[in-house]
Amino acid sequence: MAYRFPSGILPLVVAGVLLSALSAWIATRMALAQHIGEHEEHHEIESDSHSGSGTAGDFHAWMHSQLALTAEQKAELAPFEEAYEAQRNRVTKDIHAAGKDLADAVRRGQRDSSAIAQALDRMNAARVKLQKLTLDHFFVMKEHLDPDQAQSLLQWTHDSLLR
């Protein structure tokens, strides 16, 4: 004699399984989205911290706010600021492109591959370029500051490099 389920239970079981599957799918998607966001944030922080000036953009903006620049100084510095931002953005894109190439090479799983070595070389060269670009910019700024501002700029740059 075969066991028979009560007539109303099968739809409830099917609905329960479907609801469980949907809940698992939603939870997985949310966890994956959070992980990807944290992973990208980690790489942005790592990239900025390796640029040699902490978070270069944030430090630069903070420094400008703390220097109490006069309107005349701001006007004198404007062309240098625009040039620096354009160069910094270009080099930052190079760093991110090299990082993507490195990630792709690592995914292929060959420890001593030339693709990994080339991507690392490109990334490190771009990071050094960004460090030099940022330091050059600070010294250009220094030429347009009064002695107290210049001393503050040098001290803050010094301190940020020690972090």
N, C-alpha and C. Protein backbone atom coordinates (compact mmCIF):
# COMPACT_ATOMS: atom_id res chain seq x y z
N MET A 1 0.84 -1.16 0.00
CA MET A 1 0.00 0.00 0.00
C MET A 1 0.90 1.24 0.00
N ALA A 2 0.73 2.13 -0.94
CA ALA A 2 1.54 3.33 -1.10
C ALA A 2 1.02 4.43 -0.21
N TYR A 3 2.00 5.20 0.27
CA TYR A 3 1.64 6.34 1.13
C TYR A 3 1.18 7.48 0.25
N ARG A 4 0.11 8.13 0.65
CA ARG A 4 -0.41 9.28 -0.09
C ARG A 4 -0.28 10.51 0.77
N PHE A 5 0.30 11.59 0.15
CA PHE A 5 0.36 12.88 0.84
C PHE A 5 -1.03 13.45 0.93
N PRO A 6 -1.31 14.19 2.00
CA PRO A 6 -2.59 14.89 2.04
C PRO A 6 -2.71 15.81 0.83
N SER A 7 -3.87 16.00 0.33
CA SER A 7 -4.08 16.70 -0.94
C SER A 7 -3.54 18.13 -0.96
N GLY A 8 -3.50 18.85 0.12
CA GLY A 8 -3.06 20.24 0.12
C GLY A 8 -1.57 20.43 0.42
N ILE A 9 -0.84 19.37 0.74
CA ILE A 9 0.54 19.52 1.18
C ILE A 9 1.53 19.70 0.03
N LEU A 10 1.30 19.08 -1.11
CA LEU A 10 2.25 19.16 -2.22
C LEU A 10 2.45 20.60 -2.69
N PRO A 11 1.42 21.41 -2.89
CA PRO A 11 1.66 22.80 -3.28
C PRO A 11 2.45 23.58 -2.22
N LEU A 12 2.22 23.27 -0.94
CA LEU A 12 2.96 23.95 0.13
C LEU A 12 4.43 23.56 0.11
N VAL A 13 4.74 22.30 -0.14
CA VAL A 13 6.12 21.84 -0.22
C VAL A 13 6.83 22.51 -1.40
N VAL A 14 6.15 22.53 -2.56
CA VAL A 14 6.73 23.16 -3.75
C VAL A 14 6.96 24.65 -3.49
N ALA A 15 5.99 25.33 -2.90
CA ALA A 15 6.13 26.75 -2.59
C ALA A 15 7.27 26.97 -1.61
N GLY A 16 7.42 26.11 -0.62
CA GLY A 16 8.51 26.22 0.35
C GLY A 16 9.87 26.05 -0.29
N VAL A 17 9.99 25.08 -1.19
CA VAL A 17 11.26 24.86 -1.88
C VAL A 17 11.58 26.07 -2.76
N LEU A 18 10.60 26.57 -3.50
CA LEU A 18 10.82 27.72 -4.36
C LEU A 18 11.18 28.96 -3.54
N LEU A 19 10.51 29.17 -2.43
CA LEU A 19 10.82 30.31 -1.57
C LEU A 19 12.22 30.19 -0.99
N SER A 20 12.62 28.99 -0.59
CA SER A 20 13.98 28.77 -0.08
C SER A 20 15.02 29.05 -1.15
N ALA A 21 14.75 28.57 -2.35
CA ALA A 21 15.69 28.80 -3.46
C ALA A 21 15.80 30.29 -3.78
N LEU A 22 14.67 30.98 -3.81
CA LEU A 22 14.67 32.42 -4.08
C LEU A 22 15.42 33.17 -2.98
N SER A 23 15.18 32.82 -1.74
CA SER A 23 15.88 33.46 -0.61
C SER A 23 17.38 33.23 -0.69
N ALA A 24 17.78 32.01 -1.01
CA ALA A 24 19.21 31.71 -1.14
C ALA A 24 19.83 32.51 -2.29
N TRP A 25 19.12 32.61 -3.39
CA TRP A 25 19.62 33.35 -4.54
C TRP A 25 19.79 34.83 -4.20
N ILE A 26 18.79 35.43 -3.54
CA ILE A 26 18.86 36.84 -3.15
C ILE A 26 20.00 37.06 -2.16
N ALA A 27 20.12 36.20 -1.16
CA ALA A 27 21.20 36.35 -0.17
C ALA A 27 22.57 36.22 -0.83
N THR A 28 22.70 35.31 -1.76
CA THR A 28 23.98 35.14 -2.46
C THR A 28 24.31 36.37 -3.28
N ARG A 29 23.33 36.89 -4.00
CA ARG A 29 23.56 38.09 -4.81
C ARG A 29 23.96 39.28 -3.93
N MET A 30 23.29 39.44 -2.80
CA MET A 30 23.61 40.54 -1.89
C MET A 30 25.01 40.37 -1.31
N ALA A 31 25.36 39.17 -0.89
CA ALA A 31 26.68 38.92 -0.33
C ALA A 31 27.77 39.13 -1.39
N LEU A 32 27.50 38.69 -2.61
CA LEU A 32 28.46 38.86 -3.68
C LEU A 32 28.65 40.35 -4.01
N ALA A 33 27.56 41.10 -4.08
CA ALA A 33 27.66 42.53 -4.35
C ALA A 33 28.45 43.23 -3.25
N GLN A 34 28.21 42.87 -2.00
CA GLN A 34 28.94 43.46 -0.88
C GLN A 34 30.42 43.10 -0.97
N HIS A 35 30.71 41.85 -1.27
CA HIS A 35 32.11 41.41 -1.38
C HIS A 35 32.82 42.14 -2.50
N ILE A 36 32.18 42.28 -3.64
CA ILE A 36 32.79 42.98 -4.77
C ILE A 36 33.05 44.43 -4.39
N GLY A 37 32.09 45.08 -3.74
CA GLY A 37 32.27 46.46 -3.31
C GLY A 37 33.44 46.60 -2.34
N GLU A 38 33.53 45.71 -1.38
CA GLU A 38 34.64 45.74 -0.42
C GLU A 38 35.96 45.47 -1.11
N HIS A 39 35.95 44.54 -2.06
CA HIS A 39 37.17 44.20 -2.79
C HIS A 39 37.66 45.39 -3.61
N GLU A 40 36.74 46.06 -4.31
CA GLU A 40 37.13 47.23 -5.10
C GLU A 40 37.61 48.35 -4.20
N GLU A 41 36.93 48.56 -3.06
CA GLU A 41 37.34 49.59 -2.11
C GLU A 41 38.73 49.29 -1.57
N HIS A 42 38.99 48.01 -1.28
CA HIS A 42 40.32 47.62 -0.78
C HIS A 42 41.39 47.97 -1.80
N HIS A 43 41.13 47.68 -3.07
CA HIS A 43 42.13 47.96 -4.10
C HIS A 43 42.31 49.45 -4.32
N GLU A 44 41.23 50.24 -4.17
CA GLU A 44 41.38 51.69 -4.29
C GLU A 44 42.24 52.22 -3.15
N ILE A 45 41.98 51.74 -1.94
CA ILE A 45 42.76 52.18 -0.78
C ILE A 45 44.20 51.72 -0.94
N GLU A 46 44.38 50.46 -1.36
CA GLU A 46 45.73 49.93 -1.54
C GLU A 46 46.46 50.73 -2.60
N SER A 47 45.79 51.02 -3.69
CA SER A 47 46.42 51.78 -4.77
C SER A 47 46.81 53.17 -4.29
N ASP A 48 45.91 53.83 -3.59
CA ASP A 48 46.22 55.17 -3.10
C ASP A 48 47.34 55.14 -2.07
N SER A 49 47.32 54.15 -1.17
CA SER A 49 48.35 54.12 -0.13
C SER A 49 49.71 53.80 -0.71
N HIS A 50 49.76 53.13 -1.84
CA HIS A 50 51.04 52.83 -2.46
C HIS A 50 51.52 53.96 -3.35
N SER A 51 50.71 54.98 -3.51
CA SER A 51 51.14 56.08 -4.36
C SER A 51 52.18 56.94 -3.66
N GLY A 52 52.37 56.72 -2.37
CA GLY A 52 53.43 57.43 -1.65
C GLY A 52 52.95 58.66 -0.93
N SER A 53 51.70 59.02 -1.05
CA SER A 53 51.23 60.22 -0.37
C SER A 53 49.90 59.95 0.32
N GLY A 54 49.71 58.79 0.88
CA GLY A 54 48.45 58.44 1.48
C GLY A 54 47.40 58.43 0.40
N THR A 55 46.21 58.91 0.70
CA THR A 55 45.23 59.08 -0.35
C THR A 55 45.51 60.43 -0.97
N ALA A 56 46.24 60.41 -2.06
CA ALA A 56 46.81 61.63 -2.66
C ALA A 56 45.76 62.71 -2.88
N GLY A 57 44.62 62.35 -3.45
CA GLY A 57 43.59 63.34 -3.71
C GLY A 57 43.03 63.95 -2.44
N ASP A 58 42.76 63.11 -1.43
CA ASP A 58 42.23 63.60 -0.17
C ASP A 58 43.26 64.46 0.56
N PHE A 59 44.50 64.01 0.58
CA PHE A 59 45.56 64.76 1.24
C PHE A 59 45.75 66.11 0.56
N HIS A 60 45.74 66.10 -0.76
CA HIS A 60 45.92 67.32 -1.54
C HIS A 60 44.78 68.31 -1.24
N ALA A 61 43.54 67.82 -1.24
CA ALA A 61 42.39 68.69 -0.95
C ALA A 61 42.46 69.21 0.49
N TRP A 62 42.80 68.34 1.42
CA TRP A 62 42.91 68.76 2.82
C TRP A 62 43.98 69.83 2.96
N MET A 63 45.11 69.61 2.30
CA MET A 63 46.21 70.55 2.40
C MET A 63 45.78 71.93 1.90
N HIS A 64 45.08 71.95 0.78
CA HIS A 64 44.62 73.24 0.25
C HIS A 64 43.70 73.94 1.26
N SER A 65 42.83 73.18 1.89
CA SER A 65 41.91 73.79 2.86
C SER A 65 42.65 74.31 4.09
N GLN A 66 43.74 73.65 4.47
CA GLN A 66 44.49 74.04 5.66
C GLN A 66 45.48 75.17 5.42
N LEU A 67 45.89 75.37 4.17
CA LEU A 67 46.89 76.40 3.89
C LEU A 67 46.34 77.82 3.91
N ALA A 68 45.03 77.96 3.89
CA ALA A 68 44.40 79.29 3.88
C ALA A 68 44.99 80.15 2.75
N LEU A 69 44.87 79.65 1.55
CA LEU A 69 45.40 80.36 0.38
C LEU A 69 44.63 81.64 0.14
N THR A 70 45.34 82.67 -0.27
CA THR A 70 44.69 83.92 -0.64
C THR A 70 44.10 83.76 -2.04
N ALA A 71 43.25 84.69 -2.40
CA ALA A 71 42.66 84.67 -3.75
C ALA A 71 43.76 84.77 -4.81
N GLU A 72 44.77 85.58 -4.53
CA GLU A 72 45.88 85.73 -5.47
C GLU A 72 46.66 84.42 -5.62
N GLN A 73 46.91 83.73 -4.50
CA GLN A 73 47.62 82.45 -4.56
C GLN A 73 46.81 81.41 -5.33
N LYS A 74 45.50 81.39 -5.08
CA LYS A 74 44.64 80.45 -5.79
C LYS A 74 44.70 80.70 -7.29
N ALA A 75 44.67 81.96 -7.68
CA ALA A 75 44.73 82.30 -9.10
C ALA A 75 46.08 81.89 -9.70
N GLU A 76 47.17 82.13 -8.97
CA GLU A 76 48.50 81.75 -9.45
C GLU A 76 48.63 80.24 -9.59
N LEU A 77 48.03 79.52 -8.66
CA LEU A 77 48.16 78.06 -8.65
C LEU A 77 47.19 77.35 -9.59
N ALA A 78 46.13 78.02 -10.03
CA ALA A 78 45.09 77.37 -10.83
C ALA A 78 45.62 76.60 -12.03
N PRO A 79 46.49 77.19 -12.87
CA PRO A 79 46.97 76.42 -14.02
C PRO A 79 47.78 75.19 -13.61
N PHE A 80 48.55 75.31 -12.53
CA PHE A 80 49.33 74.17 -12.05
C PHE A 80 48.42 73.07 -11.50
N GLU A 81 47.35 73.50 -10.83
CA GLU A 81 46.38 72.55 -10.28
C GLU A 81 45.70 71.77 -11.40
N GLU A 82 45.28 72.48 -12.44
CA GLU A 82 44.61 71.82 -13.56
C GLU A 82 45.54 70.82 -14.24
N ALA A 83 46.78 71.22 -14.46
CA ALA A 83 47.75 70.33 -15.10
C ALA A 83 48.02 69.10 -14.22
N TYR A 84 48.17 69.34 -12.92
CA TYR A 84 48.43 68.24 -11.99
C TYR A 84 47.26 67.25 -11.99
N GLU A 85 46.05 67.75 -11.91
CA GLU A 85 44.88 66.86 -11.89
C GLU A 85 44.80 66.03 -13.16
N ALA A 86 45.04 66.64 -14.31
CA ALA A 86 45.00 65.90 -15.57
C ALA A 86 46.06 64.81 -15.58
N GLN A 87 47.27 65.15 -15.16
CA GLN A 87 48.35 64.16 -15.14
C GLN A 87 48.07 63.06 -14.11
N ARG A 88 47.59 63.46 -12.94
CA ARG A 88 47.29 62.48 -11.88
C ARG A 88 46.20 61.51 -12.34
N ASN A 89 45.18 62.03 -13.00
CA ASN A 89 44.11 61.16 -13.49
C ASN A 89 44.64 60.18 -14.54
N ARG A 90 45.49 60.67 -15.42
CA ARG A 90 46.05 59.81 -16.46
C ARG A 90 46.92 58.70 -15.84
N VAL A 91 47.77 59.04 -14.89
CA VAL A 91 48.64 58.05 -14.26
C VAL A 91 47.80 57.08 -13.42
N THR A 92 46.78 57.57 -12.75
CA THR A 92 45.91 56.70 -11.95
C THR A 92 45.22 55.67 -12.86
N LYS A 93 44.80 56.10 -14.03
CA LYS A 93 44.21 55.16 -15.00
C LYS A 93 45.23 54.11 -15.42
N ASP A 94 46.48 54.52 -15.60
CA ASP A 94 47.54 53.57 -15.95
C ASP A 94 47.73 52.54 -14.84
N ILE A 95 47.68 53.00 -13.59
CA ILE A 95 47.83 52.09 -12.44
C ILE A 95 46.69 51.08 -12.43
N HIS A 96 45.47 51.57 -12.64
CA HIS A 96 44.31 50.67 -12.63
C HIS A 96 44.37 49.69 -13.80
N ALA A 97 44.80 50.14 -14.97
CA ALA A 97 44.91 49.25 -16.14
C ALA A 97 45.97 48.17 -15.88
N ALA A 98 47.09 48.56 -15.31
CA ALA A 98 48.14 47.58 -14.98
C ALA A 98 47.63 46.60 -13.92
N GLY A 99 46.86 47.10 -12.96
CA GLY A 99 46.28 46.23 -11.93
C GLY A 99 45.31 45.22 -12.52
N LYS A 100 44.53 45.64 -13.50
CA LYS A 100 43.61 44.72 -14.18
C LYS A 100 44.40 43.66 -14.94
N ASP A 101 45.45 44.10 -15.65
CA ASP A 101 46.29 43.14 -16.37
C ASP A 101 46.95 42.15 -15.40
N LEU A 102 47.39 42.65 -14.26
CA LEU A 102 47.98 41.78 -13.26
C LEU A 102 46.96 40.76 -12.75
N ALA A 103 45.76 41.23 -12.46
CA ALA A 103 44.71 40.33 -11.98
C ALA A 103 44.39 39.26 -13.02
N ASP A 104 44.33 39.66 -14.28
CA ASP A 104 44.07 38.69 -15.35
C ASP A 104 45.20 37.67 -15.45
N ALA A 105 46.43 38.14 -15.33
CA ALA A 105 47.58 37.22 -15.40
C ALA A 105 47.59 36.27 -14.21
N VAL A 106 47.25 36.77 -13.04
CA VAL A 106 47.20 35.92 -11.84
C VAL A 106 46.11 34.87 -12.00
N ARG A 107 44.99 35.26 -12.56
CA ARG A 107 43.88 34.32 -12.75
C ARG A 107 44.31 33.14 -13.61
N ARG A 108 45.20 33.39 -14.57
CA ARG A 108 45.69 32.30 -15.43
C ARG A 108 46.57 31.32 -14.64
N GLY A 109 47.07 31.76 -13.49
CA GLY A 109 47.71 30.84 -12.54
C GLY A 109 49.12 30.41 -12.83
N GLN A 110 49.86 31.19 -13.59
CA GLN A 110 51.26 30.82 -13.84
C GLN A 110 52.16 31.76 -13.03
N ARG A 111 52.75 31.22 -12.02
CA ARG A 111 53.49 31.99 -11.01
C ARG A 111 54.57 32.89 -11.61
N ASP A 112 55.39 32.35 -12.48
CA ASP A 112 56.52 33.10 -13.01
C ASP A 112 56.28 33.56 -14.45
N SER A 113 55.05 33.87 -14.79
CA SER A 113 54.75 34.24 -16.17
C SER A 113 55.28 35.63 -16.50
N SER A 114 55.59 35.83 -17.76
CA SER A 114 56.05 37.15 -18.20
C SER A 114 54.92 38.17 -18.10
N ALA A 115 53.67 37.72 -18.23
CA ALA A 115 52.53 38.64 -18.12
C ALA A 115 52.45 39.24 -16.72
N ILE A 116 52.69 38.42 -15.70
CA ILE A 116 52.70 38.93 -14.32
C ILE A 116 53.85 39.91 -14.13
N ALA A 117 55.02 39.55 -14.59
CA ALA A 117 56.19 40.42 -14.44
C ALA A 117 55.97 41.75 -15.15
N GLN A 118 55.44 41.71 -16.36
CA GLN A 118 55.21 42.94 -17.12
C GLN A 118 54.16 43.82 -16.46
N ALA A 119 53.08 43.21 -15.97
CA ALA A 119 52.03 43.99 -15.31
C ALA A 119 52.57 44.62 -14.02
N LEU A 120 53.35 43.87 -13.26
CA LEU A 120 53.96 44.43 -12.04
C LEU A 120 54.89 45.58 -12.37
N ASP A 121 55.71 45.39 -13.40
CA ASP A 121 56.63 46.46 -13.80
C ASP A 121 55.86 47.72 -14.21
N ARG A 122 54.78 47.55 -14.99
CA ARG A 122 53.98 48.70 -15.42
C ARG A 122 53.32 49.37 -14.22
N MET A 123 52.78 48.56 -13.30
CA MET A 123 52.10 49.12 -12.13
C MET A 123 53.10 49.89 -11.26
N ASN A 124 54.23 49.28 -11.00
CA ASN A 124 55.23 49.94 -10.15
C ASN A 124 55.78 51.20 -10.80
N ALA A 125 56.01 51.16 -12.10
CA ALA A 125 56.50 52.34 -12.81
C ALA A 125 55.46 53.47 -12.74
N ALA A 126 54.19 53.13 -12.88
CA ALA A 126 53.14 54.15 -12.81
C ALA A 126 53.03 54.70 -11.39
N ARG A 127 53.17 53.87 -10.39
CA ARG A 127 53.13 54.35 -9.00
C ARG A 127 54.28 55.29 -8.71
N VAL A 128 55.47 54.95 -9.18
CA VAL A 128 56.62 55.83 -9.00
C VAL A 128 56.38 57.15 -9.71
N LYS A 129 55.81 57.08 -10.91
CA LYS A 129 55.50 58.29 -11.67
C LYS A 129 54.53 59.17 -10.90
N LEU A 130 53.52 58.55 -10.27
CA LEU A 130 52.56 59.32 -9.48
C LEU A 130 53.22 59.95 -8.26
N GLN A 131 54.11 59.21 -7.61
CA GLN A 131 54.82 59.76 -6.46
C GLN A 131 55.64 60.99 -6.87
N LYS A 132 56.38 60.86 -7.97
CA LYS A 132 57.20 61.98 -8.44
C LYS A 132 56.32 63.15 -8.86
N LEU A 133 55.25 62.86 -9.55
CA LEU A 133 54.33 63.90 -10.00
C LEU A 133 53.76 64.67 -8.81
N THR A 134 53.37 63.95 -7.77
CA THR A 134 52.79 64.59 -6.59
C THR A 134 53.83 65.43 -5.86
N LEU A 135 55.02 64.89 -5.68
CA LEU A 135 56.07 65.66 -5.01
C LEU A 135 56.47 66.89 -5.83
N ASP A 136 56.59 66.73 -7.14
CA ASP A 136 56.89 67.89 -8.00
C ASP A 136 55.81 68.96 -7.83
N HIS A 137 54.56 68.53 -7.78
CA HIS A 137 53.46 69.48 -7.63
C HIS A 137 53.56 70.22 -6.30
N PHE A 138 53.88 69.51 -5.22
CA PHE A 138 54.00 70.17 -3.92
C PHE A 138 55.12 71.21 -3.95
N PHE A 139 56.22 70.91 -4.61
CA PHE A 139 57.31 71.89 -4.68
C PHE A 139 56.96 73.08 -5.57
N VAL A 140 56.16 72.86 -6.61
CA VAL A 140 55.66 73.99 -7.41
C VAL A 140 54.75 74.86 -6.54
N MET A 141 53.89 74.21 -5.77
CA MET A 141 53.00 74.96 -4.87
C MET A 141 53.82 75.80 -3.89
N LYS A 142 54.85 75.18 -3.34
CA LYS A 142 55.67 75.84 -2.32
C LYS A 142 56.20 77.18 -2.82
N GLU A 143 56.52 77.28 -4.10
CA GLU A 143 57.05 78.52 -4.68
C GLU A 143 56.05 79.68 -4.63
N HIS A 144 54.77 79.35 -4.43
CA HIS A 144 53.73 80.37 -4.43
C HIS A 144 53.14 80.61 -3.05
N LEU A 145 53.79 80.09 -2.03
CA LEU A 145 53.30 80.21 -0.65
C LEU A 145 54.18 81.17 0.14
N ASP A 146 53.58 81.72 1.20
CA ASP A 146 54.41 82.52 2.10
C ASP A 146 55.24 81.55 2.96
N PRO A 147 56.24 82.04 3.70
CA PRO A 147 57.13 81.14 4.44
C PRO A 147 56.42 80.21 5.43
N ASP A 148 55.41 80.72 6.14
CA ASP A 148 54.69 79.86 7.09
C ASP A 148 53.91 78.77 6.37
N GLN A 149 53.24 79.13 5.28
CA GLN A 149 52.50 78.14 4.49
C GLN A 149 53.46 77.10 3.92
N ALA A 150 54.60 77.56 3.41
CA ALA A 150 55.57 76.66 2.81
C ALA A 150 56.09 75.66 3.86
N GLN A 151 56.35 76.15 5.06
CA GLN A 151 56.81 75.26 6.13
C GLN A 151 55.74 74.24 6.48
N SER A 152 54.48 74.68 6.55
CA SER A 152 53.38 73.75 6.83
C SER A 152 53.28 72.69 5.73
N LEU A 153 53.37 73.12 4.49
CA LEU A 153 53.31 72.19 3.36
C LEU A 153 54.41 71.13 3.48
N LEU A 154 55.61 71.56 3.75
CA LEU A 154 56.72 70.61 3.87
C LEU A 154 56.52 69.65 5.05
N GLN A 155 56.04 70.18 6.16
CA GLN A 155 55.83 69.34 7.35
C GLN A 155 54.73 68.31 7.09
N TRP A 156 53.62 68.73 6.50
CA TRP A 156 52.52 67.80 6.22
C TRP A 156 52.95 66.74 5.22
N THR A 157 53.70 67.14 4.21
CA THR A 157 54.19 66.17 3.22
C THR A 157 55.12 65.18 3.90
N HIS A 158 56.02 65.69 4.70
CA HIS A 158 56.93 64.82 5.47
C HIS A 158 56.14 63.82 6.30
N ASP A 159 55.18 64.33 7.07
CA ASP A 159 54.40 63.45 7.96
C ASP A 159 53.61 62.42 7.18
N SER A 160 53.03 62.82 6.03
CA SER A 160 52.24 61.86 5.26
C SER A 160 53.10 60.76 4.68
N LEU A 161 54.34 61.05 4.39
CA LEU A 161 55.25 60.03 3.85
C LEU A 161 55.67 59.03 4.92
N LEU A 162 55.62 59.43 6.19
CA LEU A 162 55.99 58.53 7.27
C LEU A 162 54.85 57.60 7.67
N ARG A 163 53.64 57.88 7.22
CA ARG A 163 52.50 57.02 7.58
C ARG A 163 52.47 55.80 6.74
